[in-house]
Amino acid sequence: MSDEKTLTLTVPAVVAEEFDRIALEEGVSVGELLPEMLKAYRVKVAQQRLRRLQQYGARRARELGITEEDVPRLIEEYRREQREQA
């Protein structure tokens, strides 16, 4: 049994031409290019999520009056509390 599946995509002609051009430049088929594009998209989405999480954390830290210098101490306090509860 094959782990591949045939997909039929309808895209604007300019997009198809771009797929063909990039595949030719990279020396791969369009079928080989698509998984790499999906991987790049997933990386981009993960980076965007991380950036939003960092922004949220920075905003909450400001709201709570926590500075970067406080972080190591707060981590140690949390770890100590977790050890004591175990």
PDB file of N, CA and C in Angstrom:
ATOM      1  N   MET A   1       0.842  -1.188   0.000  1.00  0.00           N
ATOM      2  CA  MET A   1       0.000   0.000   0.000  1.00  0.00           C
ATOM      3  C   MET A   1       0.882   1.245   0.000  1.00  0.00           C
ATOM      4  N   SER A   2       0.552   2.192  -0.832  1.00  0.00           N
ATOM      5  CA  SER A   2       1.332   3.423  -0.979  1.00  0.00           C
ATOM      6  C   SER A   2       0.909   4.447   0.061  1.00  0.00           C
ATOM      7  N   ASP A   3       1.868   5.243   0.489  1.00  0.00           N
ATOM      8  CA  ASP A   3       1.538   6.318   1.425  1.00  0.00           C
ATOM      9  C   ASP A   3       1.344   7.638   0.688  1.00  0.00           C
ATOM     10  N   GLU A   4       1.108   7.566  -0.588  1.00  0.00           N
ATOM     11  CA  GLU A   4       0.882   8.761  -1.402  1.00  0.00           C
ATOM     12  C   GLU A   4      -0.569   8.824  -1.830  1.00  0.00           C
ATOM     13  N   LYS A   5      -1.023  10.044  -2.073  1.00  0.00           N
ATOM     14  CA  LYS A   5      -2.385  10.258  -2.540  1.00  0.00           C
ATOM     15  C   LYS A   5      -2.340  11.280  -3.660  1.00  0.00           C
ATOM     16  N   THR A   6      -3.077  11.033  -4.699  1.00  0.00           N
ATOM     17  CA  THR A   6      -3.135  11.957  -5.823  1.00  0.00           C
ATOM     18  C   THR A   6      -4.113  13.072  -5.497  1.00  0.00           C
ATOM     19  N   LEU A   7      -3.656  14.306  -5.684  1.00  0.00           N
ATOM     20  CA  LEU A   7      -4.505  15.476  -5.495  1.00  0.00           C
ATOM     21  C   LEU A   7      -4.658  16.187  -6.828  1.00  0.00           C
ATOM     22  N   THR A   8      -5.828  16.691  -7.060  1.00  0.00           N
ATOM     23  CA  THR A   8      -6.057  17.524  -8.232  1.00  0.00           C
ATOM     24  C   THR A   8      -6.386  18.914  -7.722  1.00  0.00           C
ATOM     25  N   LEU A   9      -5.545  19.873  -8.073  1.00  0.00           N
ATOM     26  CA  LEU A   9      -5.727  21.248  -7.611  1.00  0.00           C
ATOM     27  C   LEU A   9      -6.062  22.147  -8.786  1.00  0.00           C
ATOM     28  N   THR A  10      -6.954  23.071  -8.538  1.00  0.00           N
ATOM     29  CA  THR A  10      -7.236  24.100  -9.529  1.00  0.00           C
ATOM     30  C   THR A  10      -6.734  25.416  -8.961  1.00  0.00           C
ATOM     31  N   VAL A  11      -5.789  26.015  -9.653  1.00  0.00           N
ATOM     32  CA  VAL A  11      -5.206  27.285  -9.215  1.00  0.00           C
ATOM     33  C   VAL A  11      -5.162  28.223 -10.412  1.00  0.00           C
ATOM     34  N   PRO A  12      -5.072  29.513 -10.149  1.00  0.00           N
ATOM     35  CA  PRO A  12      -4.918  30.444 -11.266  1.00  0.00           C
ATOM     36  C   PRO A  12      -3.655  30.104 -12.072  1.00  0.00           C
ATOM     37  N   ALA A  13      -3.697  30.397 -13.351  1.00  0.00           N
ATOM     38  CA  ALA A  13      -2.575  30.079 -14.242  1.00  0.00           C
ATOM     39  C   ALA A  13      -1.270  30.673 -13.743  1.00  0.00           C
ATOM     40  N   VAL A  14      -1.313  31.893 -13.227  1.00  0.00           N
ATOM     41  CA  VAL A  14      -0.065  32.514 -12.753  1.00  0.00           C
ATOM     42  C   VAL A  14       0.513  31.746 -11.576  1.00  0.00           C
ATOM     43  N   VAL A  15      -0.340  31.177 -10.736  1.00  0.00           N
ATOM     44  CA  VAL A  15       0.142  30.379  -9.600  1.00  0.00           C
ATOM     45  C   VAL A  15       0.770  29.088 -10.114  1.00  0.00           C
ATOM     46  N   ALA A  16       0.122  28.443 -11.056  1.00  0.00           N
ATOM     47  CA  ALA A  16       0.672  27.215 -11.637  1.00  0.00           C
ATOM     48  C   ALA A  16       2.025  27.477 -12.284  1.00  0.00           C
ATOM     49  N   GLU A  17       2.128  28.597 -12.989  1.00  0.00           N
ATOM     50  CA  GLU A  17       3.401  28.958 -13.620  1.00  0.00           C
ATOM     51  C   GLU A  17       4.478  29.198 -12.571  1.00  0.00           C
ATOM     52  N   GLU A  18       4.093  29.809 -11.464  1.00  0.00           N
ATOM     53  CA  GLU A  18       5.054  30.055 -10.377  1.00  0.00           C
ATOM     54  C   GLU A  18       5.511  28.732  -9.764  1.00  0.00           C
ATOM     55  N   PHE A  19       4.571  27.802  -9.541  1.00  0.00           N
ATOM     56  CA  PHE A  19       4.941  26.464  -9.064  1.00  0.00           C
ATOM     57  C   PHE A  19       5.968  25.839  -9.999  1.00  0.00           C
ATOM     58  N   ASP A  20       5.663  25.864 -11.291  1.00  0.00           N
ATOM     59  CA  ASP A  20       6.560  25.262 -12.283  1.00  0.00           C
ATOM     60  C   ASP A  20       7.931  25.931 -12.273  1.00  0.00           C
ATOM     61  N   ARG A  21       7.949  27.255 -12.202  1.00  0.00           N
ATOM     62  CA  ARG A  21       9.214  27.997 -12.216  1.00  0.00           C
ATOM     63  C   ARG A  21      10.064  27.650 -10.997  1.00  0.00           C
ATOM     64  N   ILE A  22       9.441  27.661  -9.824  1.00  0.00           N
ATOM     65  CA  ILE A  22      10.184  27.360  -8.592  1.00  0.00           C
ATOM     66  C   ILE A  22      10.680  25.921  -8.616  1.00  0.00           C
ATOM     67  N   ALA A  23       9.826  24.993  -9.018  1.00  0.00           N
ATOM     68  CA  ALA A  23      10.232  23.586  -9.083  1.00  0.00           C
ATOM     69  C   ALA A  23      11.419  23.412 -10.025  1.00  0.00           C
ATOM     70  N   LEU A  24      11.373  24.087 -11.169  1.00  0.00           N
ATOM     71  CA  LEU A  24      12.474  24.015 -12.131  1.00  0.00           C
ATOM     72  C   LEU A  24      13.755  24.586 -11.519  1.00  0.00           C
ATOM     73  N   GLU A  25      13.650  25.742 -10.865  1.00  0.00           N
ATOM     74  CA  GLU A  25      14.826  26.359 -10.231  1.00  0.00           C
ATOM     75  C   GLU A  25      15.422  25.458  -9.159  1.00  0.00           C
ATOM     76  N   GLU A  26      14.558  24.773  -8.418  1.00  0.00           N
ATOM     77  CA  GLU A  26      15.019  23.911  -7.327  1.00  0.00           C
ATOM     78  C   GLU A  26      15.403  22.512  -7.804  1.00  0.00           C
ATOM     79  N   GLY A  27      15.088  22.202  -9.048  1.00  0.00           N
ATOM     80  CA  GLY A  27      15.416  20.886  -9.585  1.00  0.00           C
ATOM     81  C   GLY A  27      14.562  19.773  -9.008  1.00  0.00           C
ATOM     82  N   VAL A  28      13.314  20.089  -8.691  1.00  0.00           N
ATOM     83  CA  VAL A  28      12.387  19.097  -8.144  1.00  0.00           C
ATOM     84  C   VAL A  28      11.080  19.170  -8.928  1.00  0.00           C
ATOM     85  N   SER A  29      10.239  18.181  -8.700  1.00  0.00           N
ATOM     86  CA  SER A  29       8.914  18.214  -9.325  1.00  0.00           C
ATOM     87  C   SER A  29       7.986  19.064  -8.460  1.00  0.00           C
ATOM     88  N   VAL A  30       6.874  19.474  -9.042  1.00  0.00           N
ATOM     89  CA  VAL A  30       5.881  20.221  -8.264  1.00  0.00           C
ATOM     90  C   VAL A  30       5.398  19.359  -7.100  1.00  0.00           C
ATOM     91  N   GLY A  31       5.256  18.059  -7.336  1.00  0.00           N
ATOM     92  CA  GLY A  31       4.843  17.147  -6.267  1.00  0.00           C
ATOM     93  C   GLY A  31       5.831  17.101  -5.117  1.00  0.00           C
ATOM     94  N   GLU A  32       7.115  17.259  -5.421  1.00  0.00           N
ATOM     95  CA  GLU A  32       8.132  17.297  -4.364  1.00  0.00           C
ATOM     96  C   GLU A  32       8.177  18.668  -3.702  1.00  0.00           C
ATOM     97  N   LEU A  33       7.815  19.683  -4.445  1.00  0.00           N
ATOM     98  CA  LEU A  33       7.845  21.051  -3.932  1.00  0.00           C
ATOM     99  C   LEU A  33       6.737  21.297  -2.912  1.00  0.00           C
ATOM    100  N   LEU A  34       5.562  20.751  -3.154  1.00  0.00           N
ATOM    101  CA  LEU A  34       4.418  21.027  -2.287  1.00  0.00           C
ATOM    102  C   LEU A  34       4.651  20.647  -0.818  1.00  0.00           C
ATOM    103  N   PRO A  35       5.208  19.459  -0.496  1.00  0.00           N
ATOM    104  CA  PRO A  35       5.459  19.157   0.918  1.00  0.00           C
ATOM    105  C   PRO A  35       6.430  20.149   1.573  1.00  0.00           C
ATOM    106  N   GLU A  36       7.425  20.608   0.801  1.00  0.00           N
ATOM    107  CA  GLU A  36       8.360  21.600   1.337  1.00  0.00           C
ATOM    108  C   GLU A  36       7.651  22.925   1.607  1.00  0.00           C
ATOM    109  N   MET A  37       6.729  23.286   0.719  1.00  0.00           N
ATOM    110  CA  MET A  37       5.968  24.516   0.916  1.00  0.00           C
ATOM    111  C   MET A  37       5.071  24.397   2.148  1.00  0.00           C
ATOM    112  N   LEU A  38       4.473  23.228   2.334  1.00  0.00           N
ATOM    113  CA  LEU A  38       3.636  23.001   3.507  1.00  0.00           C
ATOM    114  C   LEU A  38       4.472  23.093   4.779  1.00  0.00           C
ATOM    115  N   LYS A  39       5.663  22.509   4.740  1.00  0.00           N
ATOM    116  CA  LYS A  39       6.564  22.574   5.890  1.00  0.00           C
ATOM    117  C   LYS A  39       6.924  24.026   6.206  1.00  0.00           C
ATOM    118  N   ALA A  40       7.244  24.811   5.190  1.00  0.00           N
ATOM    119  CA  ALA A  40       7.579  26.227   5.389  1.00  0.00           C
ATOM    120  C   ALA A  40       6.385  26.985   5.960  1.00  0.00           C
ATOM    121  N   TYR A  41       5.194  26.663   5.496  1.00  0.00           N
ATOM    122  CA  TYR A  41       3.989  27.311   6.009  1.00  0.00           C
ATOM    123  C   TYR A  41       3.797  26.978   7.484  1.00  0.00           C
ATOM    124  N   ARG A  42       3.999  25.713   7.837  1.00  0.00           N
ATOM    125  CA  ARG A  42       3.850  25.310   9.245  1.00  0.00           C
ATOM    126  C   ARG A  42       4.858  26.035  10.131  1.00  0.00           C
ATOM    127  N   VAL A  43       6.085  26.187   9.659  1.00  0.00           N
ATOM    128  CA  VAL A  43       7.104  26.923  10.417  1.00  0.00           C
ATOM    129  C   VAL A  43       6.661  28.367  10.606  1.00  0.00           C
ATOM    130  N   LYS A  44       6.160  28.984   9.549  1.00  0.00           N
ATOM    131  CA  LYS A  44       5.692  30.372   9.620  1.00  0.00           C
ATOM    132  C   LYS A  44       4.572  30.513  10.645  1.00  0.00           C
ATOM    133  N   VAL A  45       3.608  29.603  10.621  1.00  0.00           N
ATOM    134  CA  VAL A  45       2.489  29.653  11.565  1.00  0.00           C
ATOM    135  C   VAL A  45       2.993  29.473  12.994  1.00  0.00           C
ATOM    136  N   ALA A  46       3.922  28.546  13.201  1.00  0.00           N
ATOM    137  CA  ALA A  46       4.476  28.327  14.539  1.00  0.00           C
ATOM    138  C   ALA A  46       5.209  29.571  15.031  1.00  0.00           C
ATOM    139  N   GLN A  47       5.953  30.234  14.144  1.00  0.00           N
ATOM    140  CA  GLN A  47       6.654  31.459  14.523  1.00  0.00           C
ATOM    141  C   GLN A  47       5.667  32.560  14.883  1.00  0.00           C
ATOM    142  N   GLN A  48       4.573  32.658  14.134  1.00  0.00           N
ATOM    143  CA  GLN A  48       3.557  33.666  14.440  1.00  0.00           C
ATOM    144  C   GLN A  48       2.912  33.387  15.792  1.00  0.00           C
ATOM    145  N   ARG A  49       2.619  32.121  16.078  1.00  0.00           N
ATOM    146  CA  ARG A  49       2.033  31.752  17.373  1.00  0.00           C
ATOM    147  C   ARG A  49       2.996  32.081  18.507  1.00  0.00           C
ATOM    148  N   LEU A  50       4.275  31.756  18.312  1.00  0.00           N
ATOM    149  CA  LEU A  50       5.273  32.055  19.330  1.00  0.00           C
ATOM    150  C   LEU A  50       5.365  33.552  19.566  1.00  0.00           C
ATOM    151  N   ARG A  51       5.359  34.341  18.496  1.00  0.00           N
ATOM    152  CA  ARG A  51       5.428  35.796  18.612  1.00  0.00           C
ATOM    153  C   ARG A  51       4.221  36.341  19.395  1.00  0.00           C
ATOM    154  N   ARG A  52       3.020  35.802  19.091  1.00  0.00           N
ATOM    155  CA  ARG A  52       1.824  36.239  19.830  1.00  0.00           C
ATOM    156  C   ARG A  52       1.921  35.858  21.301  1.00  0.00           C
ATOM    157  N   LEU A  53       2.432  34.671  21.584  1.00  0.00           N
ATOM    158  CA  LEU A  53       2.597  34.227  22.963  1.00  0.00           C
ATOM    159  C   LEU A  53       3.607  35.105  23.694  1.00  0.00           C
ATOM    160  N   GLN A  54       4.704  35.450  23.029  1.00  0.00           N
ATOM    161  CA  GLN A  54       5.698  36.334  23.636  1.00  0.00           C
ATOM    162  C   GLN A  54       5.103  37.709  23.917  1.00  0.00           C
ATOM    163  N   GLN A  55       4.311  38.211  22.985  1.00  0.00           N
ATOM    164  CA  GLN A  55       3.671  39.514  23.186  1.00  0.00           C
ATOM    165  C   GLN A  55       2.700  39.456  24.358  1.00  0.00           C
ATOM    166  N   TYR A  56       1.943  38.371  24.452  1.00  0.00           N
ATOM    167  CA  TYR A  56       1.019  38.201  25.571  1.00  0.00           C
ATOM    168  C   TYR A  56       1.794  38.153  26.885  1.00  0.00           C
ATOM    169  N   GLY A  57       2.862  37.364  26.919  1.00  0.00           N
ATOM    170  CA  GLY A  57       3.668  37.253  28.135  1.00  0.00           C
ATOM    171  C   GLY A  57       4.270  38.587  28.541  1.00  0.00           C
ATOM    172  N   ALA A  58       4.755  39.345  27.578  1.00  0.00           N
ATOM    173  CA  ALA A  58       5.337  40.658  27.876  1.00  0.00           C
ATOM    174  C   ALA A  58       4.268  41.603  28.413  1.00  0.00           C
ATOM    175  N   ARG A  59       3.084  41.557  27.809  1.00  0.00           N
ATOM    176  CA  ARG A  59       1.988  42.417  28.262  1.00  0.00           C
ATOM    177  C   ARG A  59       1.577  42.062  29.694  1.00  0.00           C
ATOM    178  N   ARG A  60       1.438  40.763  29.970  1.00  0.00           N
ATOM    179  CA  ARG A  60       1.057  40.327  31.327  1.00  0.00           C
ATOM    180  C   ARG A  60       2.142  40.686  32.334  1.00  0.00           C
ATOM    181  N   ALA A  61       3.396  40.538  31.955  1.00  0.00           N
ATOM    182  CA  ALA A  61       4.493  40.887  32.861  1.00  0.00           C
ATOM    183  C   ALA A  61       4.434  42.369  33.203  1.00  0.00           C
ATOM    184  N   ARG A  62       4.192  43.210  32.203  1.00  0.00           N
ATOM    185  CA  ARG A  62       4.069  44.654  32.476  1.00  0.00           C
ATOM    186  C   ARG A  62       2.903  44.924  33.420  1.00  0.00           C
ATOM    187  N   GLU A  63       1.767  44.268  33.162  1.00  0.00           N
ATOM    188  CA  GLU A  63       0.589  44.458  34.013  1.00  0.00           C
ATOM    189  C   GLU A  63       0.866  44.053  35.454  1.00  0.00           C
ATOM    190  N   LEU A  64       1.676  43.012  35.633  1.00  0.00           N
ATOM    191  CA  LEU A  64       1.984  42.506  36.968  1.00  0.00           C
ATOM    192  C   LEU A  64       3.229  43.151  37.572  1.00  0.00           C
ATOM    193  N   GLY A  65       3.881  44.008  36.824  1.00  0.00           N
ATOM    194  CA  GLY A  65       5.076  44.677  37.319  1.00  0.00           C
ATOM    195  C   GLY A  65       6.292  43.771  37.393  1.00  0.00           C
ATOM    196  N   ILE A  66       6.327  42.736  36.566  1.00  0.00           N
ATOM    197  CA  ILE A  66       7.448  41.794  36.560  1.00  0.00           C
ATOM    198  C   ILE A  66       8.475  42.257  35.538  1.00  0.00           C
ATOM    199  N   THR A  67       9.736  42.304  35.965  1.00  0.00           N
ATOM    200  CA  THR A  67      10.819  42.684  35.061  1.00  0.00           C
ATOM    201  C   THR A  67      11.601  41.439  34.647  1.00  0.00           C
ATOM    202  N   GLU A  68      12.463  41.599  33.639  1.00  0.00           N
ATOM    203  CA  GLU A  68      13.303  40.476  33.208  1.00  0.00           C
ATOM    204  C   GLU A  68      14.174  39.976  34.349  1.00  0.00           C
ATOM    205  N   GLU A  69      14.615  40.894  35.182  1.00  0.00           N
ATOM    206  CA  GLU A  69      15.467  40.511  36.306  1.00  0.00           C
ATOM    207  C   GLU A  69      14.712  39.646  37.310  1.00  0.00           C
ATOM    208  N   ASP A  70      13.395  39.766  37.366  1.00  0.00           N
ATOM    209  CA  ASP A  70      12.583  38.978  38.301  1.00  0.00           C
ATOM    210  C   ASP A  70      12.409  37.528  37.855  1.00  0.00           C
ATOM    211  N   VAL A  71      12.553  37.261  36.583  1.00  0.00           N
ATOM    212  CA  VAL A  71      12.197  35.955  36.028  1.00  0.00           C
ATOM    213  C   VAL A  71      12.974  34.795  36.656  1.00  0.00           C
ATOM    214  N   PRO A  72      14.312  34.831  36.752  1.00  0.00           N
ATOM    215  CA  PRO A  72      15.014  33.691  37.362  1.00  0.00           C
ATOM    216  C   PRO A  72      14.535  33.405  38.788  1.00  0.00           C
ATOM    217  N   ARG A  73      14.326  34.457  39.562  1.00  0.00           N
ATOM    218  CA  ARG A  73      13.853  34.274  40.941  1.00  0.00           C
ATOM    219  C   ARG A  73      12.462  33.650  40.957  1.00  0.00           C
ATOM    220  N   LEU A  74      11.573  34.125  40.109  1.00  0.00           N
ATOM    221  CA  LEU A  74      10.213  33.588  40.061  1.00  0.00           C
ATOM    222  C   LEU A  74      10.198  32.129  39.616  1.00  0.00           C
ATOM    223  N   ILE A  75      11.066  31.785  38.677  1.00  0.00           N
ATOM    224  CA  ILE A  75      11.164  30.390  38.241  1.00  0.00           C
ATOM    225  C   ILE A  75      11.628  29.520  39.399  1.00  0.00           C
ATOM    226  N   GLU A  76      12.642  29.970  40.107  1.00  0.00           N
ATOM    227  CA  GLU A  76      13.153  29.201  41.242  1.00  0.00           C
ATOM    228  C   GLU A  76      12.091  29.055  42.324  1.00  0.00           C
ATOM    229  N   GLU A  77      11.359  30.125  42.607  1.00  0.00           N
ATOM    230  CA  GLU A  77      10.282  30.043  43.601  1.00  0.00           C
ATOM    231  C   GLU A  77       9.228  29.030  43.177  1.00  0.00           C
ATOM    232  N   TYR A  78       8.850  29.058  41.914  1.00  0.00           N
ATOM    233  CA  TYR A  78       7.850  28.119  41.407  1.00  0.00           C
ATOM    234  C   TYR A  78       8.356  26.681  41.535  1.00  0.00           C
ATOM    235  N   ARG A  79       9.600  26.446  41.125  1.00  0.00           N
ATOM    236  CA  ARG A  79      10.160  25.095  41.205  1.00  0.00           C
ATOM    237  C   ARG A  79      10.233  24.610  42.649  1.00  0.00           C
ATOM    238  N   ARG A  80      10.599  25.502  43.556  1.00  0.00           N
ATOM    239  CA  ARG A  80      10.667  25.142  44.968  1.00  0.00           C
ATOM    240  C   ARG A  80       9.277  24.738  45.469  1.00  0.00           C
ATOM    241  N   GLU A  81       8.269  25.522  45.117  1.00  0.00           N
ATOM    242  CA  GLU A  81       6.895  25.206  45.521  1.00  0.00           C
ATOM    243  C   GLU A  81       6.459  23.855  44.962  1.00  0.00           C
ATOM    244  N   GLN A  82       6.825  23.568  43.719  1.00  0.00           N
ATOM    245  CA  GLN A  82       6.455  22.296  43.106  1.00  0.00           C
ATOM    246  C   GLN A  82       7.130  21.122  43.810  1.00  0.00           C
ATOM    247  N   ARG A  83       8.400  21.297  44.187  1.00  0.00           N
ATOM    248  CA  ARG A  83       9.108  20.230  44.906  1.00  0.00           C
ATOM    249  C   ARG A  83       8.474  19.989  46.265  1.00  0.00           C
ATOM    250  N   GLU A  84       8.072  21.065  46.936  1.00  0.00           N
ATOM    251  CA  GLU A  84       7.468  20.937  48.263  1.00  0.00           C
ATOM    252  C   GLU A  84       6.112  20.248  48.195  1.00  0.00           C
ATOM    253  N   GLN A  85       5.393  20.432  47.097  1.00  0.00           N
ATOM    254  CA  GLN A  85       4.077  19.811  46.948  1.00  0.00           C
ATOM    255  C   GLN A  85       4.177  18.340  46.557  1.00  0.00           C
ATOM    256  N   ALA A  86       5.319  17.937  46.009  1.00  0.00           N
ATOM    257  CA  ALA A  86       5.479  16.549  45.532  1.00  0.00           C
ATOM    258  C   ALA A  86       5.674  15.576  46.669  1.00  0.00           C
TER     259      ALA A  86
END
